[in-house]
Amino acid sequence: MSQKAIVTLEANLKDDCIDNFFYLLSKYLPETKMYDGFISIKIHQCTTENTIVLHQEWESITHYEAYLRWRTDNGVMHILRANFTSDPIIKYWNTVIV
């Protein structure tokens, strides 16, 4: 059995966009949860700054990259990006200890 893909997306939110960003998540997450290869997502907000981390689990990196391409092609990433102070940082992780 292959290891699942852990993906994080970290971004800093503009001060005046926090509520809008969480509204957009509530709008788009139902589609995400139905996308092929999606397993789970947890969203974390830093307690001392406007940084958010989306901690996601996917069947594979290939599944996530197809999802990201879809979100980019249909304009959602552009809409989300308008709430960030800079481009988000996406990282792929291996689970080494459970």
PDB file of N, CA and C in Angstrom:
ATOM      1  N   MET A   1       0.842  -1.179   0.000  1.00  0.00           N
ATOM      2  CA  MET A   1       0.000   0.000   0.000  1.00  0.00           C
ATOM      3  C   MET A   1       0.885   1.239   0.000  1.00  0.00           C
ATOM      4  N   SER A   2       0.602   2.178  -0.884  1.00  0.00           N
ATOM      5  CA  SER A   2       1.428   3.374  -0.974  1.00  0.00           C
ATOM      6  C   SER A   2       1.070   4.366   0.130  1.00  0.00           C
ATOM      7  N   GLN A   3       2.052   5.172   0.473  1.00  0.00           N
ATOM      8  CA  GLN A   3       1.859   6.175   1.514  1.00  0.00           C
ATOM      9  C   GLN A   3       0.983   7.300   0.985  1.00  0.00           C
ATOM     10  N   LYS A   4       0.082   7.767   1.799  1.00  0.00           N
ATOM     11  CA  LYS A   4      -0.778   8.889   1.433  1.00  0.00           C
ATOM     12  C   LYS A   4       0.070  10.158   1.336  1.00  0.00           C
ATOM     13  N   ALA A   5      -0.432  11.118   0.589  1.00  0.00           N
ATOM     14  CA  ALA A   5       0.268  12.399   0.438  1.00  0.00           C
ATOM     15  C   ALA A   5      -0.258  13.379   1.477  1.00  0.00           C
ATOM     16  N   ILE A   6       0.652  13.959   2.233  1.00  0.00           N
ATOM     17  CA  ILE A   6       0.318  15.041   3.152  1.00  0.00           C
ATOM     18  C   ILE A   6       0.770  16.330   2.472  1.00  0.00           C
ATOM     19  N   VAL A   7      -0.150  17.275   2.367  1.00  0.00           N
ATOM     20  CA  VAL A   7       0.124  18.540   1.685  1.00  0.00           C
ATOM     21  C   VAL A   7      -0.261  19.671   2.618  1.00  0.00           C
ATOM     22  N   THR A   8       0.622  20.665   2.735  1.00  0.00           N
ATOM     23  CA  THR A   8       0.252  21.873   3.467  1.00  0.00           C
ATOM     24  C   THR A   8       0.293  23.061   2.522  1.00  0.00           C
ATOM     25  N   LEU A   9      -0.650  23.946   2.738  1.00  0.00           N
ATOM     26  CA  LEU A   9      -0.667  25.223   2.050  1.00  0.00           C
ATOM     27  C   LEU A   9      -0.671  26.275   3.145  1.00  0.00           C
ATOM     28  N   GLU A  10       0.359  27.103   3.155  1.00  0.00           N
ATOM     29  CA  GLU A  10       0.476  28.157   4.167  1.00  0.00           C
ATOM     30  C   GLU A  10       0.389  29.509   3.478  1.00  0.00           C
ATOM     31  N   ALA A  11      -0.388  30.405   4.084  1.00  0.00           N
ATOM     32  CA  ALA A  11      -0.544  31.738   3.510  1.00  0.00           C
ATOM     33  C   ALA A  11      -0.798  32.755   4.608  1.00  0.00           C
ATOM     34  N   ASN A  12      -0.406  33.971   4.331  1.00  0.00           N
ATOM     35  CA  ASN A  12      -0.704  35.083   5.228  1.00  0.00           C
ATOM     36  C   ASN A  12      -1.885  35.841   4.651  1.00  0.00           C
ATOM     37  N   LEU A  13      -2.893  36.038   5.488  1.00  0.00           N
ATOM     38  CA  LEU A  13      -4.103  36.729   5.054  1.00  0.00           C
ATOM     39  C   LEU A  13      -3.965  38.237   5.256  1.00  0.00           C
ATOM     40  N   LYS A  14      -4.527  38.987   4.329  1.00  0.00           N
ATOM     41  CA  LYS A  14      -4.617  40.435   4.495  1.00  0.00           C
ATOM     42  C   LYS A  14      -5.558  40.709   5.671  1.00  0.00           C
ATOM     43  N   ASP A  15      -5.257  41.765   6.430  1.00  0.00           N
ATOM     44  CA  ASP A  15      -6.050  42.086   7.620  1.00  0.00           C
ATOM     45  C   ASP A  15      -7.539  42.202   7.333  1.00  0.00           C
ATOM     46  N   ASP A  16      -7.880  42.792   6.209  1.00  0.00           N
ATOM     47  CA  ASP A  16      -9.295  43.031   5.907  1.00  0.00           C
ATOM     48  C   ASP A  16      -9.955  41.890   5.123  1.00  0.00           C
ATOM     49  N   CYS A  17      -9.266  40.758   5.001  1.00  0.00           N
ATOM     50  CA  CYS A  17      -9.788  39.644   4.199  1.00  0.00           C
ATOM     51  C   CYS A  17     -10.032  38.362   4.998  1.00  0.00           C
ATOM     52  N   ILE A  18      -9.829  38.391   6.292  1.00  0.00           N
ATOM     53  CA  ILE A  18      -9.932  37.163   7.087  1.00  0.00           C
ATOM     54  C   ILE A  18     -11.334  36.570   7.006  1.00  0.00           C
ATOM     55  N   ASP A  19     -12.343  37.373   7.283  1.00  0.00           N
ATOM     56  CA  ASP A  19     -13.715  36.856   7.249  1.00  0.00           C
ATOM     57  C   ASP A  19     -14.087  36.373   5.852  1.00  0.00           C
ATOM     58  N   ASN A  20     -13.699  37.117   4.829  1.00  0.00           N
ATOM     59  CA  ASN A  20     -14.003  36.719   3.458  1.00  0.00           C
ATOM     60  C   ASN A  20     -13.335  35.395   3.108  1.00  0.00           C
ATOM     61  N   PHE A  21     -12.094  35.215   3.534  1.00  0.00           N
ATOM     62  CA  PHE A  21     -11.392  33.971   3.238  1.00  0.00           C
ATOM     63  C   PHE A  21     -12.134  32.772   3.832  1.00  0.00           C
ATOM     64  N   PHE A  22     -12.561  32.889   5.084  1.00  0.00           N
ATOM     65  CA  PHE A  22     -13.269  31.770   5.706  1.00  0.00           C
ATOM     66  C   PHE A  22     -14.644  31.552   5.076  1.00  0.00           C
ATOM     67  N   TYR A  23     -15.264  32.614   4.606  1.00  0.00           N
ATOM     68  CA  TYR A  23     -16.507  32.468   3.847  1.00  0.00           C
ATOM     69  C   TYR A  23     -16.236  31.669   2.564  1.00  0.00           C
ATOM     70  N   LEU A  24     -15.170  32.039   1.845  1.00  0.00           N
ATOM     71  CA  LEU A  24     -14.833  31.335   0.611  1.00  0.00           C
ATOM     72  C   LEU A  24     -14.545  29.859   0.870  1.00  0.00           C
ATOM     73  N   LEU A  25     -13.860  29.562   1.957  1.00  0.00           N
ATOM     74  CA  LEU A  25     -13.607  28.155   2.295  1.00  0.00           C
ATOM     75  C   LEU A  25     -14.925  27.406   2.485  1.00  0.00           C
ATOM     76  N   SER A  26     -15.858  28.018   3.190  1.00  0.00           N
ATOM     77  CA  SER A  26     -17.143  27.343   3.410  1.00  0.00           C
ATOM     78  C   SER A  26     -17.874  27.105   2.085  1.00  0.00           C
ATOM     79  N   LYS A  27     -17.625  27.969   1.122  1.00  0.00           N
ATOM     80  CA  LYS A  27     -18.245  27.841  -0.197  1.00  0.00           C
ATOM     81  C   LYS A  27     -17.575  26.746  -1.037  1.00  0.00           C
ATOM     82  N   TYR A  28     -16.237  26.661  -0.990  1.00  0.00           N
ATOM     83  CA  TYR A  28     -15.497  25.769  -1.878  1.00  0.00           C
ATOM     84  C   TYR A  28     -15.151  24.399  -1.282  1.00  0.00           C
ATOM     85  N   LEU A  29     -15.098  24.282   0.043  1.00  0.00           N
ATOM     86  CA  LEU A  29     -14.695  23.005   0.640  1.00  0.00           C
ATOM     87  C   LEU A  29     -15.620  21.835   0.328  1.00  0.00           C
ATOM     88  N   PRO A  30     -16.928  22.022   0.201  1.00  0.00           N
ATOM     89  CA  PRO A  30     -17.754  20.869  -0.173  1.00  0.00           C
ATOM     90  C   PRO A  30     -17.317  20.222  -1.496  1.00  0.00           C
ATOM     91  N   GLU A  31     -16.917  21.027  -2.476  1.00  0.00           N
ATOM     92  CA  GLU A  31     -16.417  20.490  -3.748  1.00  0.00           C
ATOM     93  C   GLU A  31     -15.080  19.781  -3.545  1.00  0.00           C
ATOM     94  N   THR A  32     -14.232  20.372  -2.716  1.00  0.00           N
ATOM     95  CA  THR A  32     -12.933  19.759  -2.434  1.00  0.00           C
ATOM     96  C   THR A  32     -13.120  18.376  -1.844  1.00  0.00           C
ATOM     97  N   LYS A  33     -14.024  18.270  -0.887  1.00  0.00           N
ATOM     98  CA  LYS A  33     -14.231  17.000  -0.186  1.00  0.00           C
ATOM     99  C   LYS A  33     -14.767  15.905  -1.100  1.00  0.00           C
ATOM    100  N   MET A  34     -15.330  16.281  -2.245  1.00  0.00           N
ATOM    101  CA  MET A  34     -15.846  15.302  -3.198  1.00  0.00           C
ATOM    102  C   MET A  34     -14.845  14.991  -4.308  1.00  0.00           C
ATOM    103  N   TYR A  35     -13.709  15.703  -4.333  1.00  0.00           N
ATOM    104  CA  TYR A  35     -12.745  15.530  -5.424  1.00  0.00           C
ATOM    105  C   TYR A  35     -12.029  14.189  -5.300  1.00  0.00           C
ATOM    106  N   ASP A  36     -11.777  13.549  -6.435  1.00  0.00           N
ATOM    107  CA  ASP A  36     -11.115  12.246  -6.468  1.00  0.00           C
ATOM    108  C   ASP A  36      -9.765  12.286  -5.748  1.00  0.00           C
ATOM    109  N   GLY A  37      -9.576  11.393  -4.807  1.00  0.00           N
ATOM    110  CA  GLY A  37      -8.314  11.284  -4.084  1.00  0.00           C
ATOM    111  C   GLY A  37      -8.263  12.052  -2.783  1.00  0.00           C
ATOM    112  N   PHE A  38      -9.251  12.902  -2.526  1.00  0.00           N
ATOM    113  CA  PHE A  38      -9.279  13.669  -1.280  1.00  0.00           C
ATOM    114  C   PHE A  38      -9.559  12.748  -0.103  1.00  0.00           C
ATOM    115  N   ILE A  39      -8.838  12.961   1.006  1.00  0.00           N
ATOM    116  CA  ILE A  39      -9.072  12.189   2.229  1.00  0.00           C
ATOM    117  C   ILE A  39      -9.550  13.097   3.353  1.00  0.00           C
ATOM    118  N   SER A  40      -8.761  14.141   3.664  1.00  0.00           N
ATOM    119  CA  SER A  40      -9.155  15.004   4.776  1.00  0.00           C
ATOM    120  C   SER A  40      -8.455  16.357   4.685  1.00  0.00           C
ATOM    121  N   ILE A  41      -8.994  17.303   5.463  1.00  0.00           N
ATOM    122  CA  ILE A  41      -8.372  18.625   5.569  1.00  0.00           C
ATOM    123  C   ILE A  41      -8.618  19.159   6.970  1.00  0.00           C
ATOM    124  N   LYS A  42      -7.597  19.805   7.505  1.00  0.00           N
ATOM    125  CA  LYS A  42      -7.702  20.550   8.762  1.00  0.00           C
ATOM    126  C   LYS A  42      -7.154  21.940   8.474  1.00  0.00           C
ATOM    127  N   ILE A  43      -7.849  22.942   8.983  1.00  0.00           N
ATOM    128  CA  ILE A  43      -7.432  24.322   8.743  1.00  0.00           C
ATOM    129  C   ILE A  43      -7.033  24.934  10.075  1.00  0.00           C
ATOM    130  N   HIS A  44      -5.815  25.459  10.106  1.00  0.00           N
ATOM    131  CA  HIS A  44      -5.272  26.039  11.333  1.00  0.00           C
ATOM    132  C   HIS A  44      -5.031  27.526  11.120  1.00  0.00           C
ATOM    133  N   GLN A  45      -5.319  28.312  12.159  1.00  0.00           N
ATOM    134  CA  GLN A  45      -5.055  29.747  12.115  1.00  0.00           C
ATOM    135  C   GLN A  45      -4.112  30.074  13.253  1.00  0.00           C
ATOM    136  N   CYS A  46      -3.030  30.768  12.947  1.00  0.00           N
ATOM    137  CA  CYS A  46      -2.048  31.151  13.952  1.00  0.00           C
ATOM    138  C   CYS A  46      -2.698  32.071  14.990  1.00  0.00           C
ATOM    139  N   THR A  47      -2.312  31.918  16.243  1.00  0.00           N
ATOM    140  CA  THR A  47      -2.896  32.730  17.307  1.00  0.00           C
ATOM    141  C   THR A  47      -2.269  34.116  17.414  1.00  0.00           C
ATOM    142  N   THR A  48      -1.126  34.345  16.759  1.00  0.00           N
ATOM    143  CA  THR A  48      -0.437  35.621  16.917  1.00  0.00           C
ATOM    144  C   THR A  48      -0.293  36.437  15.634  1.00  0.00           C
ATOM    145  N   GLU A  49      -0.735  35.866  14.509  1.00  0.00           N
ATOM    146  CA  GLU A  49      -0.655  36.594  13.241  1.00  0.00           C
ATOM    147  C   GLU A  49      -1.711  36.038  12.292  1.00  0.00           C
ATOM    148  N   ASN A  50      -1.838  36.634  11.129  1.00  0.00           N
ATOM    149  CA  ASN A  50      -2.886  36.239  10.173  1.00  0.00           C
ATOM    150  C   ASN A  50      -2.433  35.117   9.240  1.00  0.00           C
ATOM    151  N   THR A  51      -1.719  34.154   9.775  1.00  0.00           N
ATOM    152  CA  THR A  51      -1.251  33.024   8.980  1.00  0.00           C
ATOM    153  C   THR A  51      -2.219  31.859   9.128  1.00  0.00           C
ATOM    154  N   ILE A  52      -2.520  31.226   7.993  1.00  0.00           N
ATOM    155  CA  ILE A  52      -3.352  30.024   8.012  1.00  0.00           C
ATOM    156  C   ILE A  52      -2.563  28.886   7.363  1.00  0.00           C
ATOM    157  N   VAL A  53      -2.850  27.682   7.825  1.00  0.00           N
ATOM    158  CA  VAL A  53      -2.263  26.481   7.240  1.00  0.00           C
ATOM    159  C   VAL A  53      -3.398  25.514   6.939  1.00  0.00           C
ATOM    160  N   LEU A  54      -3.452  25.069   5.700  1.00  0.00           N
ATOM    161  CA  LEU A  54      -4.381  24.017   5.315  1.00  0.00           C
ATOM    162  C   LEU A  54      -3.587  22.722   5.295  1.00  0.00           C
ATOM    163  N   HIS A  55      -3.888  21.829   6.217  1.00  0.00           N
ATOM    164  CA  HIS A  55      -3.211  20.533   6.334  1.00  0.00           C
ATOM    165  C   HIS A  55      -4.118  19.501   5.675  1.00  0.00           C
ATOM    166  N   GLN A  56      -3.657  18.968   4.550  1.00  0.00           N
ATOM    167  CA  GLN A  56      -4.508  18.101   3.736  1.00  0.00           C
ATOM    168  C   GLN A  56      -3.904  16.712   3.592  1.00  0.00           C
ATOM    169  N   GLU A  57      -4.767  15.727   3.460  1.00  0.00           N
ATOM    170  CA  GLU A  57      -4.334  14.371   3.157  1.00  0.00           C
ATOM    171  C   GLU A  57      -5.023  13.936   1.861  1.00  0.00           C
ATOM    172  N   TRP A  58      -4.212  13.427   0.937  1.00  0.00           N
ATOM    173  CA  TRP A  58      -4.680  12.984  -0.373  1.00  0.00           C
ATOM    174  C   TRP A  58      -4.182  11.570  -0.633  1.00  0.00           C
ATOM    175  N   GLU A  59      -4.845  10.868  -1.533  1.00  0.00           N
ATOM    176  CA  GLU A  59      -4.419   9.510  -1.898  1.00  0.00           C
ATOM    177  C   GLU A  59      -3.005   9.518  -2.477  1.00  0.00           C
ATOM    178  N   SER A  60      -2.635  10.595  -3.196  1.00  0.00           N
ATOM    179  CA  SER A  60      -1.295  10.704  -3.780  1.00  0.00           C
ATOM    180  C   SER A  60      -1.027  12.166  -4.142  1.00  0.00           C
ATOM    181  N   ILE A  61       0.231  12.471  -4.392  1.00  0.00           N
ATOM    182  CA  ILE A  61       0.591  13.805  -4.861  1.00  0.00           C
ATOM    183  C   ILE A  61      -0.054  14.059  -6.226  1.00  0.00           C
ATOM    184  N   THR A  62      -0.132  13.036  -7.053  1.00  0.00           N
ATOM    185  CA  THR A  62      -0.771  13.162  -8.362  1.00  0.00           C
ATOM    186  C   THR A  62      -2.224  13.606  -8.219  1.00  0.00           C
ATOM    187  N   HIS A  63      -2.944  13.039  -7.260  1.00  0.00           N
ATOM    188  CA  HIS A  63      -4.329  13.457  -7.014  1.00  0.00           C
ATOM    189  C   HIS A  63      -4.383  14.925  -6.604  1.00  0.00           C
ATOM    190  N   TYR A  64      -3.491  15.330  -5.694  1.00  0.00           N
ATOM    191  CA  TYR A  64      -3.491  16.730  -5.243  1.00  0.00           C
ATOM    192  C   TYR A  64      -3.156  17.673  -6.400  1.00  0.00           C
ATOM    193  N   GLU A  65      -2.154  17.316  -7.190  1.00  0.00           N
ATOM    194  CA  GLU A  65      -1.759  18.193  -8.288  1.00  0.00           C
ATOM    195  C   GLU A  65      -2.871  18.331  -9.327  1.00  0.00           C
ATOM    196  N   ALA A  66      -3.633  17.260  -9.551  1.00  0.00           N
ATOM    197  CA  ALA A  66      -4.788  17.353 -10.461  1.00  0.00           C
ATOM    198  C   ALA A  66      -5.833  18.289  -9.871  1.00  0.00           C
ATOM    199  N   TYR A  67      -6.055  18.183  -8.572  1.00  0.00           N
ATOM    200  CA  TYR A  67      -6.998  19.061  -7.883  1.00  0.00           C
ATOM    201  C   TYR A  67      -6.538  20.526  -7.986  1.00  0.00           C
ATOM    202  N   LEU A  68      -5.270  20.770  -7.701  1.00  0.00           N
ATOM    203  CA  LEU A  68      -4.739  22.134  -7.750  1.00  0.00           C
ATOM    204  C   LEU A  68      -4.855  22.708  -9.160  1.00  0.00           C
ATOM    205  N   ARG A  69      -4.585  21.902 -10.176  1.00  0.00           N
ATOM    206  CA  ARG A  69      -4.726  22.340 -11.560  1.00  0.00           C
ATOM    207  C   ARG A  69      -6.179  22.715 -11.857  1.00  0.00           C
ATOM    208  N   TRP A  70      -7.110  21.890 -11.396  1.00  0.00           N
ATOM    209  CA  TRP A  70      -8.538  22.158 -11.579  1.00  0.00           C
ATOM    210  C   TRP A  70      -8.927  23.472 -10.907  1.00  0.00           C
ATOM    211  N   ARG A  71      -8.473  23.664  -9.646  1.00  0.00           N
ATOM    212  CA  ARG A  71      -8.791  24.901  -8.924  1.00  0.00           C
ATOM    213  C   ARG A  71      -8.154  26.126  -9.581  1.00  0.00           C
ATOM    214  N   THR A  72      -7.003  25.945 -10.180  1.00  0.00           N
ATOM    215  CA  THR A  72      -6.347  27.049 -10.883  1.00  0.00           C
ATOM    216  C   THR A  72      -7.089  27.353 -12.184  1.00  0.00           C
ATOM    217  N   ASP A  73      -7.402  26.315 -12.948  1.00  0.00           N
ATOM    218  CA  ASP A  73      -8.074  26.496 -14.240  1.00  0.00           C
ATOM    219  C   ASP A  73      -9.466  27.094 -14.094  1.00  0.00           C
ATOM    220  N   ASN A  74     -10.180  26.761 -12.996  1.00  0.00           N
ATOM    221  CA  ASN A  74     -11.546  27.302 -12.855  1.00  0.00           C
ATOM    222  C   ASN A  74     -11.577  28.639 -12.094  1.00  0.00           C
ATOM    223  N   GLY A  75     -10.394  29.186 -11.778  1.00  0.00           N
ATOM    224  CA  GLY A  75     -10.307  30.530 -11.211  1.00  0.00           C
ATOM    225  C   GLY A  75     -10.373  30.626  -9.700  1.00  0.00           C
ATOM    226  N   VAL A  76     -10.592  29.519  -9.006  1.00  0.00           N
ATOM    227  CA  VAL A  76     -10.734  29.575  -7.553  1.00  0.00           C
ATOM    228  C   VAL A  76      -9.420  29.981  -6.874  1.00  0.00           C
ATOM    229  N   MET A  77      -8.297  29.473  -7.342  1.00  0.00           N
ATOM    230  CA  MET A  77      -7.018  29.855  -6.728  1.00  0.00           C
ATOM    231  C   MET A  77      -6.780  31.354  -6.868  1.00  0.00           C
ATOM    232  N   HIS A  78      -7.173  31.930  -7.977  1.00  0.00           N
ATOM    233  CA  HIS A  78      -7.039  33.376  -8.175  1.00  0.00           C
ATOM    234  C   HIS A  78      -7.916  34.137  -7.166  1.00  0.00           C
ATOM    235  N   ILE A  79      -9.128  33.649  -6.960  1.00  0.00           N
ATOM    236  CA  ILE A  79     -10.045  34.283  -5.999  1.00  0.00           C
ATOM    237  C   ILE A  79      -9.474  34.188  -4.585  1.00  0.00           C
ATOM    238  N   LEU A  80      -8.972  33.007  -4.214  1.00  0.00           N
ATOM    239  CA  LEU A  80      -8.380  32.837  -2.878  1.00  0.00           C
ATOM    240  C   LEU A  80      -7.123  33.686  -2.732  1.00  0.00           C
ATOM    241  N   ARG A  81      -6.301  33.701  -3.766  1.00  0.00           N
ATOM    242  CA  ARG A  81      -5.024  34.437  -3.736  1.00  0.00           C
ATOM    243  C   ARG A  81      -5.238  35.929  -3.453  1.00  0.00           C
ATOM    244  N   ALA A  82      -6.363  36.476  -3.863  1.00  0.00           N
ATOM    245  CA  ALA A  82      -6.653  37.894  -3.634  1.00  0.00           C
ATOM    246  C   ALA A  82      -6.754  38.218  -2.144  1.00  0.00           C
ATOM    247  N   ASN A  83      -6.907  37.204  -1.300  1.00  0.00           N
ATOM    248  CA  ASN A  83      -7.002  37.394   0.149  1.00  0.00           C
ATOM    249  C   ASN A  83      -5.655  37.289   0.850  1.00  0.00           C
ATOM    250  N   PHE A  84      -4.618  36.894   0.120  1.00  0.00           N
ATOM    251  CA  PHE A  84      -3.285  36.666   0.695  1.00  0.00           C
ATOM    252  C   PHE A  84      -2.379  37.872   0.479  1.00  0.00           C
ATOM    253  N   THR A  85      -1.406  38.040   1.361  1.00  0.00           N
ATOM    254  CA  THR A  85      -0.422  39.109   1.193  1.00  0.00           C
ATOM    255  C   THR A  85       0.641  38.742   0.161  1.00  0.00           C
ATOM    256  N   SER A  86       0.813  37.439  -0.107  1.00  0.00           N
ATOM    257  CA  SER A  86       1.778  36.948  -1.099  1.00  0.00           C
ATOM    258  C   SER A  86       1.345  35.551  -1.528  1.00  0.00           C
ATOM    259  N   ASP A  87       2.077  34.979  -2.462  1.00  0.00           N
ATOM    260  CA  ASP A  87       1.722  33.639  -2.925  1.00  0.00           C
ATOM    261  C   ASP A  87       1.785  32.638  -1.776  1.00  0.00           C
ATOM    262  N   PRO A  88       0.871  31.676  -1.763  1.00  0.00           N
ATOM    263  CA  PRO A  88       0.906  30.654  -0.713  1.00  0.00           C
ATOM    264  C   PRO A  88       2.107  29.732  -0.911  1.00  0.00           C
ATOM    265  N   ILE A  89       2.516  29.099   0.164  1.00  0.00           N
ATOM    266  CA  ILE A  89       3.604  28.126   0.129  1.00  0.00           C
ATOM    267  C   ILE A  89       2.990  26.744   0.253  1.00  0.00           C
ATOM    268  N   ILE A  90       3.226  25.905  -0.750  1.00  0.00           N
ATOM    269  CA  ILE A  90       2.709  24.544  -0.750  1.00  0.00           C
ATOM    270  C   ILE A  90       3.883  23.595  -0.552  1.00  0.00           C
ATOM    271  N   LYS A  91       3.726  22.668   0.405  1.00  0.00           N
ATOM    272  CA  LYS A  91       4.775  21.677   0.690  1.00  0.00           C
ATOM    273  C   LYS A  91       4.155  20.296   0.758  1.00  0.00           C
ATOM    274  N   TYR A  92       4.968  19.308   0.366  1.00  0.00           N
ATOM    275  CA  TYR A  92       4.586  17.902   0.454  1.00  0.00           C
ATOM    276  C   TYR A  92       5.401  17.254   1.571  1.00  0.00           C
ATOM    277  N   TRP A  93       4.748  16.397   2.347  1.00  0.00           N
ATOM    278  CA  TRP A  93       5.369  15.830   3.541  1.00  0.00           C
ATOM    279  C   TRP A  93       5.278  14.300   3.540  1.00  0.00           C
ATOM    280  N   ASN A  94       6.294  13.666   4.093  1.00  0.00           N
ATOM    281  CA  ASN A  94       6.266  12.244   4.377  1.00  0.00           C
ATOM    282  C   ASN A  94       5.982  12.063   5.858  1.00  0.00           C
ATOM    283  N   THR A  95       5.170  11.082   6.197  1.00  0.00           N
ATOM    284  CA  THR A  95       4.944  10.753   7.595  1.00  0.00           C
ATOM    285  C   THR A  95       6.054   9.776   8.012  1.00  0.00           C
ATOM    286  N   VAL A  96       6.820  10.159   9.020  1.00  0.00           N
ATOM    287  CA  VAL A  96       7.944   9.310   9.414  1.00  0.00           C
ATOM    288  C   VAL A  96       7.700   8.605  10.749  1.00  0.00           C
ATOM    289  N   ILE A  97       6.874   9.177  11.604  1.00  0.00           N
ATOM    290  CA  ILE A  97       6.536   8.557  12.884  1.00  0.00           C
ATOM    291  C   ILE A  97       5.047   8.754  13.120  1.00  0.00           C
ATOM    292  N   VAL A  98       4.372   7.696  13.486  1.00  0.00           N
ATOM    293  CA  VAL A  98       2.927   7.773  13.775  1.00  0.00           C
ATOM    294  C   VAL A  98       2.731   7.592  15.257  1.00  0.00           C
TER     295      VAL A  98
END
